[in-house]
Protein backbone atom coordinates (compact mmCIF):
# COMPACT_ATOMS: atom_id res chain seq x y z
CA MET A 1 104.12 95.23 129.45
CA LYS A 2 104.05 98.45 131.45
CA ASN A 3 102.66 100.29 128.41
CA PHE A 4 99.61 98.01 128.26
CA LYS A 5 98.72 98.76 131.87
CA THR A 6 99.12 102.50 131.33
CA LEU A 7 97.08 102.52 128.11
CA THR A 8 94.17 100.71 129.76
CA ASN A 9 94.19 102.76 132.96
CA PRO A 10 91.90 105.85 132.85
CA LYS A 11 94.32 107.98 134.89
CA GLY A 12 97.27 106.98 132.72
CA VAL A 13 95.31 107.66 129.53
CA GLU A 14 94.10 111.02 130.83
CA LYS A 15 97.70 112.09 131.42
CA ILE A 16 98.80 110.99 127.93
CA LEU A 17 95.94 112.78 126.17
CA ASN A 18 96.47 115.99 128.09
CA GLU A 19 100.18 115.93 127.28
CA ASN A 20 99.29 115.63 123.58
CA ARG A 21 96.10 117.70 123.53
CA LYS A 22 97.41 120.31 121.07
CA PHE A 23 97.46 117.60 118.39
CA ILE A 24 93.89 116.53 119.16
CA TRP A 25 91.58 119.30 120.39
CA GLY A 26 93.84 122.25 121.26
CA GLU A 27 95.78 123.80 124.11
CA LYS A 28 93.12 125.41 126.32
CA GLU A 29 90.94 122.52 127.49
CA ARG A 30 91.95 119.43 129.42
CA ALA A 31 90.48 115.94 129.38
CA HIS A 32 88.85 114.48 132.49
CA ALA A 33 86.25 111.86 133.45
CA MET A 34 88.10 109.35 131.28
CA ARG A 35 86.62 106.00 130.28
CA VAL A 36 88.54 103.23 128.54
CA SER A 37 86.67 100.71 126.38
CA ILE A 38 88.87 97.92 125.02
CA THR A 39 87.62 96.80 121.62
CA GLN A 40 90.38 94.29 120.96
CA SER A 41 93.39 93.10 122.92
CA TYR A 42 95.98 90.37 123.06
CA ARG A 43 98.70 90.02 125.66
CA ASP A 44 101.23 87.40 126.63
CA THR A 45 104.50 87.52 128.54
CA ARG A 46 106.42 89.06 125.62
CA SER A 47 104.03 91.20 123.59
CA TYR A 48 100.67 92.89 123.39
CA ASN A 49 98.25 94.30 120.83
CA LEU A 50 95.59 96.82 121.84
CA ALA A 51 92.68 98.64 120.23
CA ALA A 52 90.60 100.87 122.50
CA ARG A 53 88.19 103.78 122.57
CA TYR A 54 88.87 106.62 124.97
CA ASP A 55 85.80 108.62 126.06
CA PHE A 56 86.21 111.84 128.04
CA ARG A 57 84.91 115.32 128.81
CA LEU A 58 86.76 118.60 128.35
CA LYS A 59 87.17 121.40 130.88
CA PRO A 60 86.76 124.31 130.92
CA SER A 61 84.23 124.05 128.10
CA ALA A 62 80.83 125.51 127.23
CA GLY A 63 79.67 121.96 126.55
CA ALA A 64 81.32 120.50 129.63
CA LYS A 65 78.90 117.57 129.84
CA LYS A 66 79.51 116.46 126.25
CA ARG A 67 81.58 113.31 125.91
CA HIS A 68 84.26 113.09 123.23
CA SER A 69 85.84 109.95 121.82
CA ILE A 70 89.09 109.05 120.10
CA PHE A 71 90.44 105.71 118.97
CA ALA A 72 93.74 104.26 120.16
CA LEU A 73 95.97 101.56 118.68
CA SER A 74 99.15 100.19 120.21
CA HIS A 75 101.44 97.23 119.64
CA SER A 76 104.47 96.30 121.69
CA ASP A 77 106.72 96.12 118.60
CA GLY A 78 105.89 99.67 117.47
CA ARG A 79 104.18 98.68 114.23
CA LYS A 80 101.46 101.30 114.73
CA LYS A 81 104.03 103.95 113.80
CA TYR A 82 103.76 102.74 110.20
CA ALA A 83 99.96 102.69 110.52
CA HIS A 84 100.07 106.35 111.59
CA ALA A 85 102.34 107.34 108.71
CA MET A 86 100.16 105.57 106.13
CA ASN A 87 96.91 106.88 107.62
CA ASP A 88 98.35 110.40 107.44
CA ILE A 89 99.32 109.99 103.78
CA ILE A 90 95.92 108.56 102.80
CA PHE A 91 94.04 111.17 104.86
CA ARG A 92 95.89 114.04 103.21
CA HIS A 93 95.36 112.54 99.76
CA PHE A 94 91.60 112.25 100.25
CA LEU A 95 91.15 115.49 102.19
CA GLY A 96 88.70 117.55 100.15
CA ALA A 97 89.11 115.30 97.12
CA GLN A 98 86.59 112.53 97.78
CA LYS A 99 83.41 113.36 99.66
CA GLN A 100 81.51 110.07 99.49
CA ILE A 101 83.89 108.16 101.73
CA THR A 102 86.08 109.45 104.53
CA VAL A 103 89.11 108.12 106.37
CA PRO A 104 89.84 108.77 110.06
CA ARG A 105 91.89 111.83 110.93
CA PRO A 106 95.25 110.77 112.42
CA TYR A 107 96.15 112.79 115.50
CA LYS A 108 99.48 111.67 116.87
CA TYR A 109 101.86 108.75 117.26
CA VAL A 110 103.21 108.86 120.82
CA GLU A 111 106.60 107.17 120.56
CA ARG A 112 107.05 106.57 124.29
CA TYR A 113 103.92 104.42 124.51
CA ARG A 114 103.97 103.12 120.93
CA LEU A 115 100.50 104.61 120.72
CA PHE A 116 98.62 105.79 117.63
CA LEU A 117 95.77 108.21 118.41
CA LEU A 118 93.18 108.82 115.70
CA GLU A 119 89.62 109.91 115.06
CA TYR A 120 86.94 107.56 116.34
CA ILE A 121 84.46 106.69 113.57
CA LYS A 122 80.97 105.77 114.77
CA GLY A 123 78.86 103.22 112.92
CA SER A 124 78.53 99.55 111.98
CA THR A 125 81.03 97.58 109.96
CA LEU A 126 80.01 96.52 106.49
CA ALA A 127 80.72 92.95 107.62
CA SER A 128 78.02 93.13 110.33
CA ILE A 129 75.57 94.66 107.84
CA LEU A 130 76.24 91.86 105.34
CA VAL A 131 75.60 89.23 108.01
CA LYS A 132 72.32 90.92 108.92
CA GLU A 133 71.02 91.77 105.45
CA LYS A 134 72.42 88.72 103.60
CA SER A 135 73.39 90.75 100.53
CA PRO A 136 75.53 93.80 99.72
CA ARG A 137 73.86 97.12 98.97
CA THR A 138 74.57 98.39 95.47
CA ASN A 139 75.17 101.96 96.67
CA HIS A 140 77.79 100.76 99.18
CA LEU A 141 79.68 98.79 96.53
CA ILE A 142 79.59 101.64 94.01
CA SER A 143 80.94 104.12 96.58
CA LEU A 144 83.72 101.73 97.62
CA MET A 145 84.73 101.12 94.00
CA ASP A 146 84.88 104.86 93.38
CA TRP A 147 87.07 105.18 96.47
CA LEU A 148 89.38 102.41 95.27
CA ALA A 149 89.73 104.01 91.86
CA HIS A 150 90.75 107.27 93.55
CA LEU A 151 93.25 105.49 95.81
CA HIS A 152 94.76 103.49 92.96
CA GLY A 153 95.11 106.64 90.89
CA ALA A 154 97.22 108.31 93.56
CA LYS A 155 100.92 108.92 93.07
CA VAL A 156 102.96 106.49 95.16
CA HIS A 157 104.35 108.38 98.15
CA PRO A 158 108.10 107.85 98.82
CA LYS A 159 107.31 106.52 102.31
CA ILE A 160 105.27 103.65 100.85
CA LYS A 161 108.01 101.12 100.21
CA ARG A 162 106.51 97.85 101.36
CA ARG A 163 105.37 94.98 99.13
CA ILE A 164 102.75 92.32 99.77
CA ASN A 165 103.47 90.24 102.86
CA PHE A 166 102.51 86.56 102.79
CA TYR A 167 103.26 86.10 106.50
CA HIS A 168 99.73 85.44 107.76
CA LEU A 169 98.99 82.61 105.34
CA GLU A 170 102.49 81.17 105.75
CA HIS A 171 102.02 81.20 109.52
CA ASN A 172 98.59 79.56 109.33
CA ILE A 173 99.87 76.73 107.15
CA LYS A 174 102.93 76.24 109.37
CA VAL A 175 100.71 75.88 112.45
CA LEU A 176 98.35 73.48 110.67
CA LYS A 177 101.31 71.32 109.60
CA GLU A 178 102.61 71.25 113.17
CA ARG A 179 99.18 70.16 114.36
CA GLY A 180 99.00 67.45 111.71
CA HIS A 181 95.87 68.85 110.07
CA LYS A 182 94.65 66.56 107.29
CA ASP A 183 94.60 69.34 104.66
CA ALA A 184 97.81 71.12 105.65
CA LEU A 185 99.96 69.70 102.83
CA ALA A 186 97.28 70.42 100.23
CA PHE A 187 97.04 74.00 101.51
CA GLU A 188 100.81 74.33 101.33
CA LYS A 189 100.98 73.01 97.77
CA LYS A 190 98.27 75.40 96.59
CA PHE A 191 99.85 78.33 98.37
CA LYS A 192 103.29 77.72 96.84
CA ARG A 193 101.76 77.79 93.37
CA ILE A 194 99.83 80.98 94.10
CA LYS A 195 102.78 82.73 95.76
CA LYS A 196 105.14 81.93 92.90
CA GLN A 197 102.78 83.45 90.35
CA MET A 198 101.97 86.50 92.48
CA LYS A 199 105.68 87.26 92.92
CA LEU A 200 106.16 87.07 89.14
CA TRP A 201 103.25 89.43 88.52
CA ARG A 202 104.55 91.79 91.18
CA LYS A 203 107.45 92.72 88.90
CA SER A 204 105.19 93.89 86.08
CA HIS A 205 101.97 94.90 87.84
CA GLY A 206 103.09 96.10 91.28
CA THR A 207 102.97 99.85 90.76
CA THR A 208 99.86 101.00 92.66
CA VAL A 209 99.06 102.12 96.21
CA VAL A 210 97.20 99.16 97.75
CA HIS A 211 95.16 99.36 100.97
CA GLY A 212 96.37 95.89 101.88
CA ASP A 213 93.45 94.80 104.07
CA PHE A 214 90.44 96.04 102.12
CA ASN A 215 87.58 94.00 103.53
CA PRO A 216 84.09 94.61 105.00
CA SER A 217 85.43 94.68 108.57
CA ASN A 218 87.44 97.78 107.67
CA VAL A 219 84.50 99.68 106.23
CA ILE A 220 82.31 101.58 108.72
CA ILE A 221 78.84 102.77 107.77
CA LYS A 222 76.44 105.10 109.55
CA GLY A 223 73.43 106.29 107.56
CA ASN A 224 74.77 107.66 104.28
CA SER A 225 78.29 108.07 105.66
CA ILE A 226 81.01 105.55 104.81
CA ALA A 227 84.55 105.41 106.17
CA VAL A 228 87.49 103.16 105.29
CA VAL A 229 89.86 102.41 108.17
CA ASP A 230 93.01 100.42 109.05
CA PHE A 231 95.98 101.44 106.93
CA GLU A 232 98.57 99.34 108.72
CA ASN A 233 99.14 97.13 105.66
CA VAL A 234 99.42 99.74 102.89
CA TYR A 235 101.95 98.75 100.23
CA VAL A 236 102.79 99.05 96.54
CA GLY A 237 101.20 96.33 94.43
CA ASP A 238 98.59 95.35 91.85
CA TYR A 239 95.40 97.44 91.93
CA LEU A 240 93.30 94.28 91.46
CA ILE A 241 94.34 92.92 94.87
CA ASP A 242 92.10 95.21 96.94
CA ALA A 243 88.96 94.33 94.98
CA ALA A 244 89.81 90.61 95.11
CA ASN A 245 90.25 90.89 98.87
CA MET A 246 86.84 92.54 99.29
CA LEU A 247 85.07 90.05 97.03
CA SER A 248 86.66 87.03 98.76
CA TYR A 249 85.50 88.30 102.15
CA ILE A 250 81.96 88.95 100.88
CA ILE A 251 81.79 85.43 99.44
CA MET A 252 83.04 84.02 102.75
CA ILE A 253 80.29 85.85 104.65
CA LEU A 254 77.40 85.26 102.25
CA ARG A 255 78.41 82.01 100.53
CA ASP A 256 76.36 83.28 97.60
CA THR A 257 77.49 83.28 93.96
CA GLY A 258 74.89 85.95 93.27
CA ALA A 259 76.94 88.41 95.31
CA LYS A 260 79.99 87.58 93.19
CA LYS A 261 78.14 88.31 89.95
CA GLN A 262 76.80 91.57 91.35
CA PHE A 263 80.24 92.63 92.56
CA MET A 264 82.00 91.84 89.28
CA ARG A 265 79.33 93.60 87.22
CA LEU A 266 79.61 96.77 89.28
CA TYR A 267 83.41 96.60 89.40
CA GLN A 268 83.70 96.37 85.62
CA GLU A 269 81.15 99.14 85.15
CA ASN A 270 83.42 101.28 87.31
CA ARG A 271 86.85 100.31 85.97
CA GLY A 272 86.01 98.96 82.55
CA LYS A 273 85.84 95.38 81.33
CA LEU A 274 88.72 93.27 82.60
CA THR A 275 91.20 92.07 80.01
CA PRO A 276 92.10 88.35 79.85
CA SER A 277 95.31 89.14 81.77
CA GLU A 278 93.40 91.04 84.45
CA LYS A 279 90.87 88.21 84.77
CA ARG A 280 93.67 85.68 85.38
CA ARG A 281 95.28 87.87 88.00
CA PHE A 282 92.01 88.71 89.70
CA SER A 283 91.03 85.03 89.85
CA LEU A 284 94.36 84.04 91.42
CA TYR A 285 94.12 86.82 93.99
CA VAL A 286 90.65 85.59 94.94
CA ASP A 287 92.14 82.10 95.35
CA TYR A 288 94.84 83.55 97.62
CA PHE A 289 92.43 85.37 99.92
CA SER A 290 89.99 82.46 99.94
CA LEU A 291 92.80 80.19 101.14
CA LEU A 292 93.80 82.75 103.78
CA PHE A 293 90.22 83.02 105.06
CA LYS A 294 89.83 79.24 105.01
CA THR A 295 92.93 78.58 107.11
CA HIS A 296 92.42 81.43 109.57
CA PRO A 297 89.56 79.91 111.61
CA LEU A 298 91.32 76.53 111.59
CA VAL A 299 94.24 78.15 113.44
CA TRP A 300 92.58 80.86 115.47
CA GLY A 301 89.02 79.60 115.93
CA LYS A 302 87.81 77.77 118.99
């Protein structure tokens, strides 16, 4: 737990950034006047998970009063090392190839602190915009679908070896069963059916780079700029999974079938009309994510 204390202490953070400054802003200037803003954290006696923004000034610098920001991710088990590797692969793939949507620049994974340093992207999440506006903007959806098509057309990098992980839904159902929730067994039965079919399809349709957590909370928008973030769950799978994930999340937020029709129309205009096989797969993936989103607040909500 020593790492958590260091990574949330301005003096400790200042030392780490200055030691790794050549990977971030260069050799000459040094960070000072550090501020730490924790955006998400979890800690118990055995583990921790941290997301934070580090704000600082540089000296000597012509713009000495200007504050700079970078984003920081750390987990006690070192999982952010994979996030760094995947972010680097995706960033390099999209660098100069896709101008409508960006991805954060990865700076450095600091092994000693299990710390991933990356570009801080300013803006509002698409999720917060959906809650406020009550409907998705067509231009946002079109840009995201273009981005997905570009991602799914990428050659699978040798470092991307993972497959879909059902852990989160399995864990949620396990907890609900332990608590004696009235729908736990029904959830489990439905999940077993879905998982069995998805594992069968994985053998014949699991050949694409998949974001793995493609939802409105991982899309940041500021003006006309859009960024996709969080590549911790990148794996090789079916290209339909990312779109099904996004649609399921939008439906959860808006509870509006009109949004589903709009999404599917735009998606098929982008990728082409879905075949009967694709429709079956897409529908099952939506069922999977809908079940995941349904069980999550039952376990983790207040």
